[in-house]
Amino acid sequence: MYSALAAAILALHLLFILWVMFGVAVTRRRPVLRWLHLGSLVWGILIEILPWACPLTWAENWLETQAGIAPYQGGFLLHYLDALVYPDIPPGLLVGSGVAVCVVNLGIYAVRFHHRRRLADW
């Protein structure tokens, strides 16, 4: 049972990362989603650059321990993406790329806000 719950947390974690990366595409004209996504972007940046443990990583590791599986060390991105997609990529580059994706999303919001303000001034 713990193993299945750990897998569910893993899926939730992956969905959250996809939301952070691509959420800007579904937030136009949806203010509630926009604010949720902006908060997620800030959280994504902070969790990458500060030495904080992500609650989803903590929960997954705890559940794996309960299931008798050795939990991984480090963050989700370093464990899964580095091992599966980009083997031997420097952790700093992976973290920098994650932060860059978040900053690009924030830039898109800034452009939208600026465009909206210009339209309102007419």
PDB file of N, CA and C in Angstrom:
ATOM      1  N   MET A   1       0.818  -1.192   0.000  1.00  0.00           N
ATOM      2  CA  MET A   1       0.000   0.000   0.000  1.00  0.00           C
ATOM      3  C   MET A   1       0.864   1.259   0.000  1.00  0.00           C
ATOM      4  N   TYR A   2       1.933   1.267   0.820  1.00  0.00           N
ATOM      5  CA  TYR A   2       2.806   2.439   0.871  1.00  0.00           C
ATOM      6  C   TYR A   2       3.482   2.684  -0.470  1.00  0.00           C
ATOM      7  N   SER A   3       3.830   1.612  -1.135  1.00  0.00           N
ATOM      8  CA  SER A   3       4.480   1.731  -2.440  1.00  0.00           C
ATOM      9  C   SER A   3       3.530   2.378  -3.456  1.00  0.00           C
ATOM     10  N   ALA A   4       2.272   1.983  -3.427  1.00  0.00           N
ATOM     11  CA  ALA A   4       1.280   2.573  -4.331  1.00  0.00           C
ATOM     12  C   ALA A   4       1.068   4.045  -4.013  1.00  0.00           C
ATOM     13  N   LEU A   5       1.036   4.390  -2.729  1.00  0.00           N
ATOM     14  CA  LEU A   5       0.894   5.795  -2.344  1.00  0.00           C
ATOM     15  C   LEU A   5       2.118   6.604  -2.771  1.00  0.00           C
ATOM     16  N   ALA A   6       3.307   6.014  -2.655  1.00  0.00           N
ATOM     17  CA  ALA A   6       4.525   6.692  -3.108  1.00  0.00           C
ATOM     18  C   ALA A   6       4.463   6.940  -4.615  1.00  0.00           C
ATOM     19  N   ALA A   7       3.954   5.980  -5.366  1.00  0.00           N
ATOM     20  CA  ALA A   7       3.798   6.147  -6.816  1.00  0.00           C
ATOM     21  C   ALA A   7       2.788   7.249  -7.125  1.00  0.00           C
ATOM     22  N   ALA A   8       1.725   7.336  -6.338  1.00  0.00           N
ATOM     23  CA  ALA A   8       0.733   8.401  -6.532  1.00  0.00           C
ATOM     24  C   ALA A   8       1.351   9.772  -6.259  1.00  0.00           C
ATOM     25  N   ILE A   9       2.175   9.857  -5.215  1.00  0.00           N
ATOM     26  CA  ILE A   9       2.860  11.121  -4.910  1.00  0.00           C
ATOM     27  C   ILE A   9       3.825  11.470  -6.038  1.00  0.00           C
ATOM     28  N   LEU A  10       4.505  10.469  -6.574  1.00  0.00           N
ATOM     29  CA  LEU A  10       5.403  10.683  -7.706  1.00  0.00           C
ATOM     30  C   LEU A  10       4.634  11.270  -8.886  1.00  0.00           C
ATOM     31  N   ALA A  11       3.469  10.715  -9.194  1.00  0.00           N
ATOM     32  CA  ALA A  11       2.644  11.221 -10.293  1.00  0.00           C
ATOM     33  C   ALA A  11       2.178  12.649 -10.007  1.00  0.00           C
ATOM     34  N   LEU A  12       1.764  12.905  -8.775  1.00  0.00           N
ATOM     35  CA  LEU A  12       1.350  14.256  -8.388  1.00  0.00           C
ATOM     36  C   LEU A  12       2.503  15.239  -8.526  1.00  0.00           C
ATOM     37  N   HIS A  13       3.687  14.821  -8.136  1.00  0.00           N
ATOM     38  CA  HIS A  13       4.878  15.660  -8.240  1.00  0.00           C
ATOM     39  C   HIS A  13       5.161  16.005  -9.703  1.00  0.00           C
ATOM     40  N   LEU A  14       5.083  15.007 -10.558  1.00  0.00           N
ATOM     41  CA  LEU A  14       5.304  15.244 -11.982  1.00  0.00           C
ATOM     42  C   LEU A  14       4.251  16.189 -12.546  1.00  0.00           C
ATOM     43  N   LEU A  15       3.000  16.010 -12.170  1.00  0.00           N
ATOM     44  CA  LEU A  15       1.934  16.915 -12.629  1.00  0.00           C
ATOM     45  C   LEU A  15       2.176  18.342 -12.152  1.00  0.00           C
ATOM     46  N   PHE A  16       2.645  18.490 -10.912  1.00  0.00           N
ATOM     47  CA  PHE A  16       2.929  19.826 -10.399  1.00  0.00           C
ATOM     48  C   PHE A  16       4.049  20.486 -11.206  1.00  0.00           C
ATOM     49  N   ILE A  17       5.081  19.730 -11.525  1.00  0.00           N
ATOM     50  CA  ILE A  17       6.182  20.291 -12.313  1.00  0.00           C
ATOM     51  C   ILE A  17       5.691  20.695 -13.701  1.00  0.00           C
ATOM     52  N   LEU A  18       4.860  19.879 -14.319  1.00  0.00           N
ATOM     53  CA  LEU A  18       4.285  20.241 -15.621  1.00  0.00           C
ATOM     54  C   LEU A  18       3.411  21.481 -15.510  1.00  0.00           C
ATOM     55  N   TRP A  19       2.661  21.600 -14.422  1.00  0.00           N
ATOM     56  CA  TRP A  19       1.839  22.795 -14.168  1.00  0.00           C
ATOM     57  C   TRP A  19       2.732  24.029 -14.080  1.00  0.00           C
ATOM     58  N   VAL A  20       3.840  23.919 -13.343  1.00  0.00           N
ATOM     59  CA  VAL A  20       4.756  25.054 -13.208  1.00  0.00           C
ATOM     60  C   VAL A  20       5.334  25.422 -14.572  1.00  0.00           C
ATOM     61  N   MET A  21       5.711  24.427 -15.346  1.00  0.00           N
ATOM     62  CA  MET A  21       6.348  24.692 -16.635  1.00  0.00           C
ATOM     63  C   MET A  21       5.387  25.247 -17.681  1.00  0.00           C
ATOM     64  N   PHE A  22       4.184  24.721 -17.733  1.00  0.00           N
ATOM     65  CA  PHE A  22       3.283  25.038 -18.841  1.00  0.00           C
ATOM     66  C   PHE A  22       1.964  25.687 -18.421  1.00  0.00           C
ATOM     67  N   GLY A  23       1.795  25.961 -17.142  1.00  0.00           N
ATOM     68  CA  GLY A  23       0.541  26.523 -16.649  1.00  0.00           C
ATOM     69  C   GLY A  23       0.182  27.856 -17.266  1.00  0.00           C
ATOM     70  N   VAL A  24       1.184  28.620 -17.662  1.00  0.00           N
ATOM     71  CA  VAL A  24       0.922  29.924 -18.262  1.00  0.00           C
ATOM     72  C   VAL A  24       0.051  29.790 -19.516  1.00  0.00           C
ATOM     73  N   ALA A  25       0.095  28.638 -20.154  1.00  0.00           N
ATOM     74  CA  ALA A  25      -0.683  28.427 -21.381  1.00  0.00           C
ATOM     75  C   ALA A  25      -2.179  28.317 -21.120  1.00  0.00           C
ATOM     76  N   VAL A  26      -2.582  28.040 -19.880  1.00  0.00           N
ATOM     77  CA  VAL A  26      -4.009  27.852 -19.597  1.00  0.00           C
ATOM     78  C   VAL A  26      -4.570  28.906 -18.642  1.00  0.00           C
ATOM     79  N   THR A  27      -3.797  29.935 -18.363  1.00  0.00           N
ATOM     80  CA  THR A  27      -4.257  30.918 -17.369  1.00  0.00           C
ATOM     81  C   THR A  27      -4.835  32.188 -17.957  1.00  0.00           C
ATOM     82  N   ARG A  28      -4.744  32.364 -19.246  1.00  0.00           N
ATOM     83  CA  ARG A  28      -5.275  33.585 -19.851  1.00  0.00           C
ATOM     84  C   ARG A  28      -6.780  33.680 -19.611  1.00  0.00           C
ATOM     85  N   ARG A  29      -7.207  34.833 -19.143  1.00  0.00           N
ATOM     86  CA  ARG A  29      -8.614  35.121 -18.829  1.00  0.00           C
ATOM     87  C   ARG A  29      -9.171  34.224 -17.719  1.00  0.00           C
ATOM     88  N   ARG A  30      -8.290  33.665 -16.911  1.00  0.00           N
ATOM     89  CA  ARG A  30      -8.689  32.846 -15.762  1.00  0.00           C
ATOM     90  C   ARG A  30      -7.909  33.338 -14.547  1.00  0.00           C
ATOM     91  N   PRO A  31      -8.416  34.374 -13.882  1.00  0.00           N
ATOM     92  CA  PRO A  31      -7.642  34.999 -12.803  1.00  0.00           C
ATOM     93  C   PRO A  31      -7.299  34.062 -11.649  1.00  0.00           C
ATOM     94  N   VAL A  32      -8.188  33.154 -11.298  1.00  0.00           N
ATOM     95  CA  VAL A  32      -7.895  32.247 -10.180  1.00  0.00           C
ATOM     96  C   VAL A  32      -6.728  31.331 -10.552  1.00  0.00           C
ATOM     97  N   LEU A  33      -6.778  30.759 -11.759  1.00  0.00           N
ATOM     98  CA  LEU A  33      -5.675  29.910 -12.212  1.00  0.00           C
ATOM     99  C   LEU A  33      -4.382  30.706 -12.335  1.00  0.00           C
ATOM    100  N   ARG A  34      -4.491  31.964 -12.788  1.00  0.00           N
ATOM    101  CA  ARG A  34      -3.302  32.809 -12.933  1.00  0.00           C
ATOM    102  C   ARG A  34      -2.608  32.992 -11.592  1.00  0.00           C
ATOM    103  N   TRP A  35      -3.383  33.326 -10.553  1.00  0.00           N
ATOM    104  CA  TRP A  35      -2.780  33.537  -9.233  1.00  0.00           C
ATOM    105  C   TRP A  35      -2.230  32.236  -8.656  1.00  0.00           C
ATOM    106  N   LEU A  36      -2.919  31.124  -8.888  1.00  0.00           N
ATOM    107  CA  LEU A  36      -2.389  29.833  -8.450  1.00  0.00           C
ATOM    108  C   LEU A  36      -1.071  29.509  -9.158  1.00  0.00           C
ATOM    109  N   HIS A  37      -1.036  29.811 -10.451  1.00  0.00           N
ATOM    110  CA  HIS A  37       0.181  29.531 -11.201  1.00  0.00           C
ATOM    111  C   HIS A  37       1.319  30.455 -10.778  1.00  0.00           C
ATOM    112  N   LEU A  38       1.024  31.723 -10.550  1.00  0.00           N
ATOM    113  CA  LEU A  38       2.066  32.642 -10.084  1.00  0.00           C
ATOM    114  C   LEU A  38       2.644  32.177  -8.747  1.00  0.00           C
ATOM    115  N   GLY A  39       1.782  31.737  -7.850  1.00  0.00           N
ATOM    116  CA  GLY A  39       2.260  31.196  -6.580  1.00  0.00           C
ATOM    117  C   GLY A  39       3.102  29.951  -6.786  1.00  0.00           C
ATOM    118  N   SER A  40       2.690  29.104  -7.713  1.00  0.00           N
ATOM    119  CA  SER A  40       3.456  27.898  -8.017  1.00  0.00           C
ATOM    120  C   SER A  40       4.824  28.237  -8.598  1.00  0.00           C
ATOM    121  N   LEU A  41       4.879  29.274  -9.432  1.00  0.00           N
ATOM    122  CA  LEU A  41       6.162  29.698  -9.991  1.00  0.00           C
ATOM    123  C   LEU A  41       7.106  30.188  -8.903  1.00  0.00           C
ATOM    124  N   VAL A  42       6.581  31.000  -8.016  1.00  0.00           N
ATOM    125  CA  VAL A  42       7.413  31.500  -6.910  1.00  0.00           C
ATOM    126  C   VAL A  42       7.897  30.329  -6.063  1.00  0.00           C
ATOM    127  N   TRP A  43       6.994  29.415  -5.737  1.00  0.00           N
ATOM    128  CA  TRP A  43       7.376  28.229  -4.968  1.00  0.00           C
ATOM    129  C   TRP A  43       8.444  27.428  -5.717  1.00  0.00           C
ATOM    130  N   GLY A  44       8.261  27.229  -7.021  1.00  0.00           N
ATOM    131  CA  GLY A  44       9.231  26.484  -7.816  1.00  0.00           C
ATOM    132  C   GLY A  44      10.617  27.114  -7.783  1.00  0.00           C
ATOM    133  N   ILE A  45      10.676  28.424  -7.884  1.00  0.00           N
ATOM    134  CA  ILE A  45      11.964  29.119  -7.828  1.00  0.00           C
ATOM    135  C   ILE A  45      12.583  28.965  -6.444  1.00  0.00           C
ATOM    136  N   LEU A  46      11.787  29.209  -5.409  1.00  0.00           N
ATOM    137  CA  LEU A  46      12.320  29.139  -4.045  1.00  0.00           C
ATOM    138  C   LEU A  46      12.795  27.733  -3.698  1.00  0.00           C
ATOM    139  N   ILE A  47      12.037  26.726  -4.069  1.00  0.00           N
ATOM    140  CA  ILE A  47      12.404  25.354  -3.713  1.00  0.00           C
ATOM    141  C   ILE A  47      13.659  24.915  -4.461  1.00  0.00           C
ATOM    142  N   GLU A  48      13.924  25.514  -5.613  1.00  0.00           N
ATOM    143  CA  GLU A  48      15.129  25.175  -6.366  1.00  0.00           C
ATOM    144  C   GLU A  48      16.374  25.885  -5.832  1.00  0.00           C
ATOM    145  N   ILE A  49      16.233  27.145  -5.435  1.00  0.00           N
ATOM    146  CA  ILE A  49      17.439  27.903  -5.069  1.00  0.00           C
ATOM    147  C   ILE A  49      17.733  27.902  -3.569  1.00  0.00           C
ATOM    148  N   LEU A  50      16.744  27.586  -2.749  1.00  0.00           N
ATOM    149  CA  LEU A  50      16.964  27.546  -1.301  1.00  0.00           C
ATOM    150  C   LEU A  50      17.107  26.100  -0.841  1.00  0.00           C
ATOM    151  N   PRO A  51      17.753  25.894   0.276  1.00  0.00           N
ATOM    152  CA  PRO A  51      17.948  24.510   0.747  1.00  0.00           C
ATOM    153  C   PRO A  51      16.723  23.962   1.481  1.00  0.00           C
ATOM    154  N   TRP A  52      15.577  24.107   0.871  1.00  0.00           N
ATOM    155  CA  TRP A  52      14.337  23.609   1.455  1.00  0.00           C
ATOM    156  C   TRP A  52      14.026  22.231   0.872  1.00  0.00           C
ATOM    157  N   ALA A  53      13.349  21.441   1.658  1.00  0.00           N
ATOM    158  CA  ALA A  53      12.876  20.141   1.169  1.00  0.00           C
ATOM    159  C   ALA A  53      11.449  20.307   0.664  1.00  0.00           C
ATOM    160  N   CYS A  54      11.196  19.834  -0.526  1.00  0.00           N
ATOM    161  CA  CYS A  54       9.843  19.879  -1.074  1.00  0.00           C
ATOM    162  C   CYS A  54       8.963  18.903  -0.301  1.00  0.00           C
ATOM    163  N   PRO A  55       7.779  19.323   0.098  1.00  0.00           N
ATOM    164  CA  PRO A  55       6.892  18.415   0.827  1.00  0.00           C
ATOM    165  C   PRO A  55       6.527  17.156   0.042  1.00  0.00           C
ATOM    166  N   LEU A  56       6.430  17.257  -1.269  1.00  0.00           N
ATOM    167  CA  LEU A  56       6.108  16.077  -2.070  1.00  0.00           C
ATOM    168  C   LEU A  56       7.277  15.092  -2.080  1.00  0.00           C
ATOM    169  N   THR A  57       8.498  15.606  -2.151  1.00  0.00           N
ATOM    170  CA  THR A  57       9.674  14.730  -2.082  1.00  0.00           C
ATOM    171  C   THR A  57       9.736  14.060  -0.719  1.00  0.00           C
ATOM    172  N   TRP A  58       9.504  14.852   0.319  1.00  0.00           N
ATOM    173  CA  TRP A  58       9.526  14.299   1.679  1.00  0.00           C
ATOM    174  C   TRP A  58       8.476  13.194   1.814  1.00  0.00           C
ATOM    175  N   ALA A  59       7.251  13.455   1.339  1.00  0.00           N
ATOM    176  CA  ALA A  59       6.172  12.464   1.450  1.00  0.00           C
ATOM    177  C   ALA A  59       6.506  11.195   0.665  1.00  0.00           C
ATOM    178  N   GLU A  60       7.033  11.370  -0.533  1.00  0.00           N
ATOM    179  CA  GLU A  60       7.389  10.200  -1.347  1.00  0.00           C
ATOM    180  C   GLU A  60       8.476   9.375  -0.656  1.00  0.00           C
ATOM    181  N   ASN A  61       9.490  10.038  -0.138  1.00  0.00           N
ATOM    182  CA  ASN A  61      10.570   9.314   0.554  1.00  0.00           C
ATOM    183  C   ASN A  61      10.061   8.621   1.815  1.00  0.00           C
ATOM    184  N   TRP A  62       9.185   9.270   2.548  1.00  0.00           N
ATOM    185  CA  TRP A  62       8.633   8.662   3.764  1.00  0.00           C
ATOM    186  C   TRP A  62       7.828   7.408   3.414  1.00  0.00           C
ATOM    187  N   LEU A  63       7.000   7.520   2.391  1.00  0.00           N
ATOM    188  CA  LEU A  63       6.194   6.368   1.968  1.00  0.00           C
ATOM    189  C   LEU A  63       7.070   5.235   1.455  1.00  0.00           C
ATOM    190  N   GLU A  64       8.126   5.558   0.729  1.00  0.00           N
ATOM    191  CA  GLU A  64       9.038   4.515   0.254  1.00  0.00           C
ATOM    192  C   GLU A  64       9.730   3.826   1.429  1.00  0.00           C
ATOM    193  N   THR A  65      10.120   4.590   2.434  1.00  0.00           N
ATOM    194  CA  THR A  65      10.735   4.002   3.627  1.00  0.00           C
ATOM    195  C   THR A  65       9.759   3.054   4.310  1.00  0.00           C
ATOM    196  N   GLN A  66       8.496   3.470   4.421  1.00  0.00           N
ATOM    197  CA  GLN A  66       7.473   2.625   5.036  1.00  0.00           C
ATOM    198  C   GLN A  66       7.247   1.343   4.234  1.00  0.00           C
ATOM    199  N   ALA A  67       7.472   1.437   2.916  1.00  0.00           N
ATOM    200  CA  ALA A  67       7.285   0.267   2.049  1.00  0.00           C
ATOM    201  C   ALA A  67       8.534  -0.615   1.996  1.00  0.00           C
ATOM    202  N   GLY A  68       9.593  -0.200   2.686  1.00  0.00           N
ATOM    203  CA  GLY A  68      10.819  -0.978   2.684  1.00  0.00           C
ATOM    204  C   GLY A  68      11.728  -0.692   1.506  1.00  0.00           C
ATOM    205  N   ILE A  69      11.471   0.402   0.818  1.00  0.00           N
ATOM    206  CA  ILE A  69      12.282   0.819  -0.334  1.00  0.00           C
ATOM    207  C   ILE A  69      13.233   1.913   0.147  1.00  0.00           C
ATOM    208  N   ALA A  70      14.479   1.839  -0.278  1.00  0.00           N
ATOM    209  CA  ALA A  70      15.446   2.876   0.097  1.00  0.00           C
ATOM    210  C   ALA A  70      15.079   4.179  -0.608  1.00  0.00           C
ATOM    211  N   PRO A  71      14.835   5.249   0.153  1.00  0.00           N
ATOM    212  CA  PRO A  71      14.467   6.522  -0.483  1.00  0.00           C
ATOM    213  C   PRO A  71      15.678   7.153  -1.170  1.00  0.00           C
ATOM    214  N   TYR A  72      15.392   7.975  -2.153  1.00  0.00           N
ATOM    215  CA  TYR A  72      16.481   8.655  -2.854  1.00  0.00           C
ATOM    216  C   TYR A  72      16.919   9.882  -2.068  1.00  0.00           C
ATOM    217  N   GLN A  73      18.132  10.308  -2.349  1.00  0.00           N
ATOM    218  CA  GLN A  73      18.675  11.510  -1.727  1.00  0.00           C
ATOM    219  C   GLN A  73      18.597  12.654  -2.724  1.00  0.00           C
ATOM    220  N   GLY A  74      18.431  13.859  -2.231  1.00  0.00           N
ATOM    221  CA  GLY A  74      18.369  15.014  -3.117  1.00  0.00           C
ATOM    222  C   GLY A  74      16.946  15.265  -3.583  1.00  0.00           C
ATOM    223  N   GLY A  75      16.821  16.146  -4.558  1.00  0.00           N
ATOM    224  CA  GLY A  75      15.509  16.547  -5.037  1.00  0.00           C
ATOM    225  C   GLY A  75      14.962  15.676  -6.142  1.00  0.00           C
ATOM    226  N   PHE A  76      13.707  15.880  -6.419  1.00  0.00           N
ATOM    227  CA  PHE A  76      12.968  15.139  -7.443  1.00  0.00           C
ATOM    228  C   PHE A  76      13.645  15.279  -8.807  1.00  0.00           C
ATOM    229  N   LEU A  77      13.928  16.526  -9.205  1.00  0.00           N
ATOM    230  CA  LEU A  77      14.515  16.748 -10.520  1.00  0.00           C
ATOM    231  C   LEU A  77      15.844  16.030 -10.671  1.00  0.00           C
ATOM    232  N   LEU A  78      16.686  16.164  -9.660  1.00  0.00           N
ATOM    233  CA  LEU A  78      18.000  15.526  -9.753  1.00  0.00           C
ATOM    234  C   LEU A  78      17.880  14.009  -9.793  1.00  0.00           C
ATOM    235  N   HIS A  79      16.952  13.476  -9.040  1.00  0.00           N
ATOM    236  CA  HIS A  79      16.823  12.018  -8.983  1.00  0.00           C
ATOM    237  C   HIS A  79      16.230  11.437 -10.256  1.00  0.00           C
ATOM    238  N   TYR A  80      15.088  11.952 -10.676  1.00  0.00           N
ATOM    239  CA  TYR A  80      14.377  11.347 -11.798  1.00  0.00           C
ATOM    240  C   TYR A  80      14.824  11.873 -13.159  1.00  0.00           C
ATOM    241  N   LEU A  81      14.843  13.178 -13.323  1.00  0.00           N
ATOM    242  CA  LEU A  81      15.166  13.707 -14.647  1.00  0.00           C
ATOM    243  C   LEU A  81      16.627  13.495 -15.004  1.00  0.00           C
ATOM    244  N   ASP A  82      17.512  13.673 -14.041  1.00  0.00           N
ATOM    245  CA  ASP A  82      18.926  13.470 -14.313  1.00  0.00           C
ATOM    246  C   ASP A  82      19.192  12.014 -14.673  1.00  0.00           C
ATOM    247  N   ALA A  83      18.569  11.112 -13.950  1.00  0.00           N
ATOM    248  CA  ALA A  83      18.812   9.687 -14.193  1.00  0.00           C
ATOM    249  C   ALA A  83      18.158   9.205 -15.498  1.00  0.00           C
ATOM    250  N   LEU A  84      16.982   9.727 -15.829  1.00  0.00           N
ATOM    251  CA  LEU A  84      16.242   9.216 -16.982  1.00  0.00           C
ATOM    252  C   LEU A  84      16.493   9.974 -18.280  1.00  0.00           C
ATOM    253  N   VAL A  85      16.567  11.293 -18.183  1.00  0.00           N
ATOM    254  CA  VAL A  85      16.602  12.094 -19.396  1.00  0.00           C
ATOM    255  C   VAL A  85      18.005  12.610 -19.705  1.00  0.00           C
ATOM    256  N   TYR A  86      18.641  13.202 -18.712  1.00  0.00           N
ATOM    257  CA  TYR A  86      19.939  13.830 -18.923  1.00  0.00           C
ATOM    258  C   TYR A  86      20.975  13.256 -17.957  1.00  0.00           C
ATOM    259  N   PRO A  87      21.468  12.055 -18.224  1.00  0.00           N
ATOM    260  CA  PRO A  87      22.437  11.471 -17.296  1.00  0.00           C
ATOM    261  C   PRO A  87      23.701  12.317 -17.182  1.00  0.00           C
ATOM    262  N   ASP A  88      24.175  12.421 -15.978  1.00  0.00           N
ATOM    263  CA  ASP A  88      25.428  13.118 -15.658  1.00  0.00           C
ATOM    264  C   ASP A  88      25.409  14.610 -15.942  1.00  0.00           C
ATOM    265  N   ILE A  89      24.235  15.223 -15.979  1.00  0.00           N
ATOM    266  CA  ILE A  89      24.166  16.675 -16.126  1.00  0.00           C
ATOM    267  C   ILE A  89      24.528  17.297 -14.775  1.00  0.00           C
ATOM    268  N   PRO A  90      25.298  18.371 -14.772  1.00  0.00           N
ATOM    269  CA  PRO A  90      25.645  19.010 -13.505  1.00  0.00           C
ATOM    270  C   PRO A  90      24.386  19.511 -12.789  1.00  0.00           C
ATOM    271  N   PRO A  91      24.279  19.261 -11.478  1.00  0.00           N
ATOM    272  CA  PRO A  91      23.087  19.690 -10.736  1.00  0.00           C
ATOM    273  C   PRO A  91      22.807  21.184 -10.869  1.00  0.00           C
ATOM    274  N   GLY A  92      23.856  22.005 -10.905  1.00  0.00           N
ATOM    275  CA  GLY A  92      23.652  23.450 -11.041  1.00  0.00           C
ATOM    276  C   GLY A  92      22.978  23.817 -12.350  1.00  0.00           C
ATOM    277  N   LEU A  93      23.320  23.123 -13.409  1.00  0.00           N
ATOM    278  CA  LEU A  93      22.697  23.380 -14.707  1.00  0.00           C
ATOM    279  C   LEU A  93      21.233  22.976 -14.690  1.00  0.00           C
ATOM    280  N   LEU A  94      20.931  21.862 -14.061  1.00  0.00           N
ATOM    281  CA  LEU A  94      19.546  21.407 -13.964  1.00  0.00           C
ATOM    282  C   LEU A  94      18.709  22.388 -13.145  1.00  0.00           C
ATOM    283  N   VAL A  95      19.250  22.836 -12.016  1.00  0.00           N
ATOM    284  CA  VAL A  95      18.550  23.814 -11.178  1.00  0.00           C
ATOM    285  C   VAL A  95      18.398  25.132 -11.929  1.00  0.00           C
ATOM    286  N   GLY A  96      19.465  25.565 -12.579  1.00  0.00           N
ATOM    287  CA  GLY A  96      19.399  26.811 -13.356  1.00  0.00           C
ATOM    288  C   GLY A  96      18.367  26.741 -14.464  1.00  0.00           C
ATOM    289  N   SER A  97      18.268  25.604 -15.110  1.00  0.00           N
ATOM    290  CA  SER A  97      17.266  25.436 -16.175  1.00  0.00           C
ATOM    291  C   SER A  97      15.850  25.509 -15.613  1.00  0.00           C
ATOM    292  N   GLY A  98      15.646  24.880 -14.452  1.00  0.00           N
ATOM    293  CA  GLY A  98      14.327  24.940 -13.824  1.00  0.00           C
ATOM    294  C   GLY A  98      13.936  26.359 -13.455  1.00  0.00           C
ATOM    295  N   VAL A  99      14.876  27.097 -12.887  1.00  0.00           N
ATOM    296  CA  VAL A  99      14.612  28.489 -12.525  1.00  0.00           C
ATOM    297  C   VAL A  99      14.379  29.319 -13.780  1.00  0.00           C
ATOM    298  N   ALA A 100      15.146  29.052 -14.843  1.00  0.00           N
ATOM    299  CA  ALA A 100      14.976  29.798 -16.092  1.00  0.00           C
ATOM    300  C   ALA A 100      13.581  29.599 -16.676  1.00  0.00           C
ATOM    301  N   VAL A 101      13.076  28.379 -16.627  1.00  0.00           N
ATOM    302  CA  VAL A 101      11.716  28.115 -17.112  1.00  0.00           C
ATOM    303  C   VAL A 101      10.708  28.936 -16.312  1.00  0.00           C
ATOM    304  N   CYS A 102      10.891  29.005 -15.005  1.00  0.00           N
ATOM    305  CA  CYS A 102       9.983  29.793 -14.158  1.00  0.00           C
ATOM    306  C   CYS A 102      10.080  31.278 -14.492  1.00  0.00           C
ATOM    307  N   VAL A 103      11.287  31.768 -14.726  1.00  0.00           N
ATOM    308  CA  VAL A 103      11.489  33.184 -15.053  1.00  0.00           C
ATOM    309  C   VAL A 103      10.864  33.507 -16.409  1.00  0.00           C
ATOM    310  N   VAL A 104      10.974  32.607 -17.367  1.00  0.00           N
ATOM    311  CA  VAL A 104      10.329  32.816 -18.672  1.00  0.00           C
ATOM    312  C   VAL A 104       8.817  32.921 -18.488  1.00  0.00           C
ATOM    313  N   ASN A 105       8.238  32.053 -17.657  1.00  0.00           N
ATOM    314  CA  ASN A 105       6.801  32.134 -17.381  1.00  0.00           C
ATOM    315  C   ASN A 105       6.443  33.476 -16.756  1.00  0.00           C
ATOM    316  N   LEU A 106       7.244  33.933 -15.800  1.00  0.00           N
ATOM    317  CA  LEU A 106       7.000  35.238 -15.179  1.00  0.00           C
ATOM    318  C   LEU A 106       7.115  36.357 -16.210  1.00  0.00           C
ATOM    319  N   GLY A 107       8.040  36.220 -17.157  1.00  0.00           N
ATOM    320  CA  GLY A 107       8.170  37.202 -18.230  1.00  0.00           C
ATOM    321  C   GLY A 107       6.919  37.256 -19.101  1.00  0.00           C
ATOM    322  N   ILE A 108       6.339  36.106 -19.370  1.00  0.00           N
ATOM    323  CA  ILE A 108       5.099  36.073 -20.158  1.00  0.00           C
ATOM    324  C   ILE A 108       3.989  36.811 -19.415  1.00  0.00           C
ATOM    325  N   TYR A 109       3.908  36.591 -18.105  1.00  0.00           N
ATOM    326  CA  TYR A 109       2.919  37.331 -17.315  1.00  0.00           C
ATOM    327  C   TYR A 109       3.194  38.824 -17.344  1.00  0.00           C
ATOM    328  N   ALA A 110       4.446  39.230 -17.293  1.00  0.00           N
ATOM    329  CA  ALA A 110       4.795  40.652 -17.325  1.00  0.00           C
ATOM    330  C   ALA A 110       4.364  41.274 -18.654  1.00  0.00           C
ATOM    331  N   VAL A 111       4.589  40.563 -19.758  1.00  0.00           N
ATOM    332  CA  VAL A 111       4.175  41.067 -21.067  1.00  0.00           C
ATOM    333  C   VAL A 111       2.664  41.181 -21.128  1.00  0.00           C
ATOM    334  N   ARG A 112       1.950  40.178 -20.628  1.00  0.00           N
ATOM    335  CA  ARG A 112       0.479  40.240 -20.610  1.00  0.00           C
ATOM    336  C   ARG A 112      -0.008  41.421 -19.788  1.00  0.00           C
ATOM    337  N   PHE A 113       0.600  41.630 -18.621  1.00  0.00           N
ATOM    338  CA  PHE A 113       0.201  42.724 -17.748  1.00  0.00           C
ATOM    339  C   PHE A 113       0.460  44.058 -18.434  1.00  0.00           C
ATOM    340  N   HIS A 114       1.621  44.202 -19.049  1.00  0.00           N
ATOM    341  CA  HIS A 114       1.963  45.442 -19.735  1.00  0.00           C
ATOM    342  C   HIS A 114       0.990  45.704 -20.882  1.00  0.00           C
ATOM    343  N   HIS A 115       0.672  44.663 -21.635  1.00  0.00           N
ATOM    344  CA  HIS A 115      -0.271  44.790 -22.754  1.00  0.00           C
ATOM    345  C   HIS A 115      -1.662  45.200 -22.240  1.00  0.00           C
ATOM    346  N   ARG A 116      -2.092  44.585 -21.161  1.00  0.00           N
ATOM    347  CA  ARG A 116      -3.402  44.908 -20.580  1.00  0.00           C
ATOM    348  C   ARG A 116      -3.436  46.347 -20.099  1.00  0.00           C
ATOM    349  N   ARG A 117      -2.350  46.809 -19.483  1.00  0.00           N
ATOM    350  CA  ARG A 117      -2.279  48.198 -18.988  1.00  0.00           C
ATOM    351  C   ARG A 117      -2.332  49.183 -20.152  1.00  0.00           C
ATOM    352  N   ARG A 118      -1.644  48.848 -21.249  1.00  0.00           N
ATOM    353  CA  ARG A 118      -1.658  49.742 -22.412  1.00  0.00           C
ATOM    354  C   ARG A 118      -3.050  49.847 -23.002  1.00  0.00           C
ATOM    355  N   LEU A 119      -3.772  48.725 -23.050  1.00  0.00           N
ATOM    356  CA  LEU A 119      -5.140  48.735 -23.563  1.00  0.00           C
ATOM    357  C   LEU A 119      -6.056  49.539 -22.650  1.00  0.00           C
ATOM    358  N   ALA A 120      -5.821  49.460 -21.353  1.00  0.00           N
ATOM    359  CA  ALA A 120      -6.653  50.188 -20.401  1.00  0.00           C
ATOM    360  C   ALA A 120      -6.415  51.699 -20.479  1.00  0.00           C
ATOM    361  N   ASP A 121      -5.227  52.106 -20.886  1.00  0.00           N
ATOM    362  CA  ASP A 121      -4.912  53.545 -21.003  1.00  0.00           C
ATOM    363  C   ASP A 121      -5.592  54.197 -22.198  1.00  0.00           C
ATOM    364  N   TRP A 122      -6.034  53.402 -23.153  1.00  0.00           N
ATOM    365  CA  TRP A 122      -6.700  53.971 -24.335  1.00  0.00           C
ATOM    366  C   TRP A 122      -8.029  54.390 -23.938  1.00  0.00           C
TER     367      TRP A 122
END
